[in-house]
Each structure stands twice: as C-alpha cells, then as structure tokens.
C-alpha atoms as a PDB file:
ATOM      1  CA  LYS A   1      89.143  79.287  98.075  1.00  0.00           C
ATOM      2  CA  ILE A   2      89.396  82.827  96.796  1.00  0.00           C
ATOM      3  CA  THR A   3      88.147  83.794  93.363  1.00  0.00           C
ATOM      4  CA  MET A   4      90.154  86.010  91.045  1.00  0.00           C
ATOM      5  CA  GLU A   5      87.321  88.558  91.312  1.00  0.00           C
ATOM      6  CA  THR A   6      87.511  88.570  95.119  1.00  0.00           C
ATOM      7  CA  PHE A   7      91.317  88.810  94.978  1.00  0.00           C
ATOM      8  CA  ASN A   8      91.113  91.779  92.587  1.00  0.00           C
ATOM      9  CA  THR A   9      88.554  93.520  94.817  1.00  0.00           C
ATOM     10  CA  ILE A  10      90.844  93.133  97.840  1.00  0.00           C
ATOM     11  CA  ILE A  11      94.030  94.364  96.131  1.00  0.00           C
ATOM     12  CA  ASN A  12      92.269  97.295  94.428  1.00  0.00           C
ATOM     13  CA  GLY A  13      91.359  98.939  97.729  1.00  0.00           C
ATOM     14  CA  ASP A  14      93.108 102.021  99.134  1.00  0.00           C
ATOM     15  CA  MET A  15      94.689  99.965 101.905  1.00  0.00           C
ATOM     16  CA  PRO A  16      97.974  98.209 101.102  1.00  0.00           C
ATOM     17  CA  VAL A  17      97.708  94.423 100.997  1.00  0.00           C
ATOM     18  CA  LEU A  18     100.609  92.118 101.861  1.00  0.00           C
ATOM     19  CA  VAL A  19      99.992  88.851 100.037  1.00  0.00           C
ATOM     20  CA  ASP A  20     101.787  85.763 101.322  1.00  0.00           C
ATOM     21  CA  PHE A  21     101.965  83.158  98.543  1.00  0.00           C
ATOM     22  CA  HIS A  22     102.665  79.904 100.361  1.00  0.00           C
ATOM     23  CA  ALA A  23     102.207  76.125 100.263  1.00  0.00           C
ATOM     24  CA  THR A  24     101.305  73.638 102.999  1.00  0.00           C
ATOM     25  CA  TRP A  25     104.356  71.481 102.185  1.00  0.00           C
ATOM     26  CA  CYS A  26     106.810  74.418 102.429  1.00  0.00           C
ATOM     27  CA  GLY A  27     108.925  74.528 105.613  1.00  0.00           C
ATOM     28  CA  PRO A  28     109.922  78.214 105.360  1.00  0.00           C
ATOM     29  CA  CYS A  29     106.241  79.057 104.721  1.00  0.00           C
ATOM     30  CA  LYS A  30     105.236  77.306 107.946  1.00  0.00           C
ATOM     31  CA  ALA A  31     107.946  79.217 109.800  1.00  0.00           C
ATOM     32  CA  MET A  32     106.454  82.483 108.469  1.00  0.00           C
ATOM     33  CA  ASN A  33     102.930  81.750 109.780  1.00  0.00           C
ATOM     34  CA  PRO A  34     103.383  83.209 113.302  1.00  0.00           C
ATOM     35  CA  ILE A  35     105.222  86.222 111.850  1.00  0.00           C
ATOM     36  CA  MET A  36     102.371  86.876 109.405  1.00  0.00           C
ATOM     37  CA  GLU A  37      99.835  86.635 112.248  1.00  0.00           C
ATOM     38  CA  GLU A  38     101.807  89.171 114.315  1.00  0.00           C
ATOM     39  CA  ILE A  39     102.080  91.536 111.344  1.00  0.00           C
ATOM     40  CA  GLY A  40      98.349  91.197 110.744  1.00  0.00           C
ATOM     41  CA  GLU A  41      97.652  92.197 114.343  1.00  0.00           C
ATOM     42  CA  GLU A  42     100.115  95.104 114.292  1.00  0.00           C
ATOM     43  CA  MET A  43      98.904  96.479 110.955  1.00  0.00           C
ATOM     44  CA  ASP A  44      95.186  96.012 111.704  1.00  0.00           C
ATOM     45  CA  GLY A  45      93.371  98.948 110.131  1.00  0.00           C
ATOM     46  CA  ASP A  46      96.451 100.140 108.221  1.00  0.00           C
ATOM     47  CA  ALA A  47      97.086  97.180 105.910  1.00  0.00           C
ATOM     48  CA  ARG A  48      95.593  93.807 105.048  1.00  0.00           C
ATOM     49  CA  ILE A  49      97.319  90.452 105.082  1.00  0.00           C
ATOM     50  CA  LEU A  50      96.167  87.864 102.593  1.00  0.00           C
ATOM     51  CA  LYS A  51      97.474  84.300 102.481  1.00  0.00           C
ATOM     52  CA  ILE A  52      97.261  82.512  99.126  1.00  0.00           C
ATOM     53  CA  ASP A  53      97.934  78.765  98.934  1.00  0.00           C
ATOM     54  CA  ILE A  54      99.561  78.331  95.510  1.00  0.00           C
ATOM     55  CA  ASP A  55      98.260  74.767  95.189  1.00  0.00           C
ATOM     56  CA  GLN A  56      94.643  75.840  95.767  1.00  0.00           C
ATOM     57  CA  GLU A  57      94.852  79.186  93.946  1.00  0.00           C
ATOM     58  CA  ARG A  58      96.929  78.363  90.883  1.00  0.00           C
ATOM     59  CA  ALA A  59      95.335  81.064  88.712  1.00  0.00           C
ATOM     60  CA  VAL A  60      96.353  83.814  91.142  1.00  0.00           C
ATOM     61  CA  ALA A  61      99.871  82.402  91.586  1.00  0.00           C
ATOM     62  CA  THR A  62     100.295  82.089  87.809  1.00  0.00           C
ATOM     63  CA  LYS A  63      99.016  85.599  87.113  1.00  0.00           C
ATOM     64  CA  PHE A  64     101.665  87.069  89.408  1.00  0.00           C
ATOM     65  CA  GLN A  65     104.417  84.681  88.260  1.00  0.00           C
ATOM     66  CA  VAL A  66     104.991  83.120  91.664  1.00  0.00           C
ATOM     67  CA  HIS A  67     107.609  80.426  91.010  1.00  0.00           C
ATOM     68  CA  SER A  68     108.869  79.861  94.548  1.00  0.00           C
ATOM     69  CA  VAL A  69     107.390  80.008  98.023  1.00  0.00           C
ATOM     70  CA  PRO A  70     107.145  81.896 100.157  1.00  0.00           C
ATOM     71  CA  THR A  71     106.733  84.923  97.900  1.00  0.00           C
ATOM     72  CA  PHE A  72     105.467  88.178  99.354  1.00  0.00           C
ATOM     73  CA  ILE A  73     103.885  90.877  97.211  1.00  0.00           C
ATOM     74  CA  ILE A  74     102.564  94.206  98.472  1.00  0.00           C
ATOM     75  CA  PHE A  75      99.702  95.632  96.423  1.00  0.00           C
ATOM     76  CA  LYS A  76      98.546  99.238  96.610  1.00  0.00           C
ATOM     77  CA  ASN A  77      95.578 100.422  94.527  1.00  0.00           C
ATOM     78  CA  GLY A  78      95.747  97.214  92.491  1.00  0.00           C
ATOM     79  CA  LEU A  79      99.433  97.516  91.612  1.00  0.00           C
ATOM     80  CA  ALA A  80     102.215  95.233  92.814  1.00  0.00           C
ATOM     81  CA  VAL A  81     104.530  97.808  94.418  1.00  0.00           C
ATOM     82  CA  TRP A  82     107.011  95.434  96.087  1.00  0.00           C
ATOM     83  CA  ARG A  83     107.845  91.744  96.037  1.00  0.00           C
ATOM     84  CA  ASN A  84     110.338  89.375  97.596  1.00  0.00           C
ATOM     85  CA  SER A  85     110.772  85.617  97.592  1.00  0.00           C
ATOM     86  CA  GLY A  86     112.085  83.646 100.539  1.00  0.00           C
ATOM     87  CA  LYS A  87     111.770  83.742 104.293  1.00  0.00           C
ATOM     88  CA  MET A  88     111.964  87.208 105.841  1.00  0.00           C
ATOM     89  CA  ASP A  89     112.141  88.611 109.340  1.00  0.00           C
ATOM     90  CA  LYS A  90     109.207  90.473 110.860  1.00  0.00           C
ATOM     91  CA  ALA A  91     111.001  93.844 111.094  1.00  0.00           C
ATOM     92  CA  SER A  92     111.822  93.855 107.378  1.00  0.00           C
ATOM     93  CA  LEU A  93     108.277  92.941 106.329  1.00  0.00           C
ATOM     94  CA  LEU A  94     106.831  95.600 108.632  1.00  0.00           C
ATOM     95  CA  HIS A  95     109.256  98.160 107.214  1.00  0.00           C
ATOM     96  CA  TYR A  96     108.209  97.451 103.638  1.00  0.00           C
ATOM     97  CA  ILE A  97     104.466  97.435 104.282  1.00  0.00           C
ATOM     98  CA  ARG A  98     104.661 100.638 106.339  1.00  0.00           C
ATOM     99  CA  THR A  99     106.367 102.286 103.355  1.00  0.00           C
ATOM    100  CA  PHE A 100     103.014 102.035 101.539  1.00  0.00           C
ATOM    101  CA  THR A 101     100.608 103.030 104.331  1.00  0.00           C
ATOM    102  CA  ASP A 102      99.340 106.590 104.218  1.00  0.00           C
END
C-alpha cells in the first residue's frame, strides 16, 4: 500500500513519474505489465514508474479521477502533465515520458 503522503512525495520530485493506474482483474493492464517493466529499465535514472492498484489505492485513483484502467498519468514537479487511458505501445509511452525528462 502507498499512502497519499508517500505518493505526493514521489510525484513532487524533479524526476518525471509515469503512474500506471491498473487493476488485477484488468486484461489490458496485465498485457501492459511487461511493457511497464521494460520502460522502467530503459528510463532508470531519468524517470520513475509507479504502479497504483485502483482497488487498493482508491483515494489516489479518486483524487486523479481515474475512471477506467489502465490509465497512465505523467507527473512532473507535482503536476499531471499528460494522461491517457487504455492500452498503449511501448514506443508511444517512451515518447511521452521522454518529452518531460530534462
């Protein structure tokens, strides 16, 4: 479990954070898991990847109005700078997160 305080600390850093709002029962979310792992490895040191299970972290999901999964939100300095719902390919996700790395 992640607390709202911990979540806020993570997203308020200088490094962009790609948050994957997902659910264990969601097929497209499961399909995204290996892609998210690869992105995490490729962006190591340049961006963070954070996975949020909407069923376990309802307060976080509600705060950011996540109504469908998967939903991806990129945070930079505490602000949501990009978001998209639905399955995405690795190249597109990498493109968007690299847009916000220094």
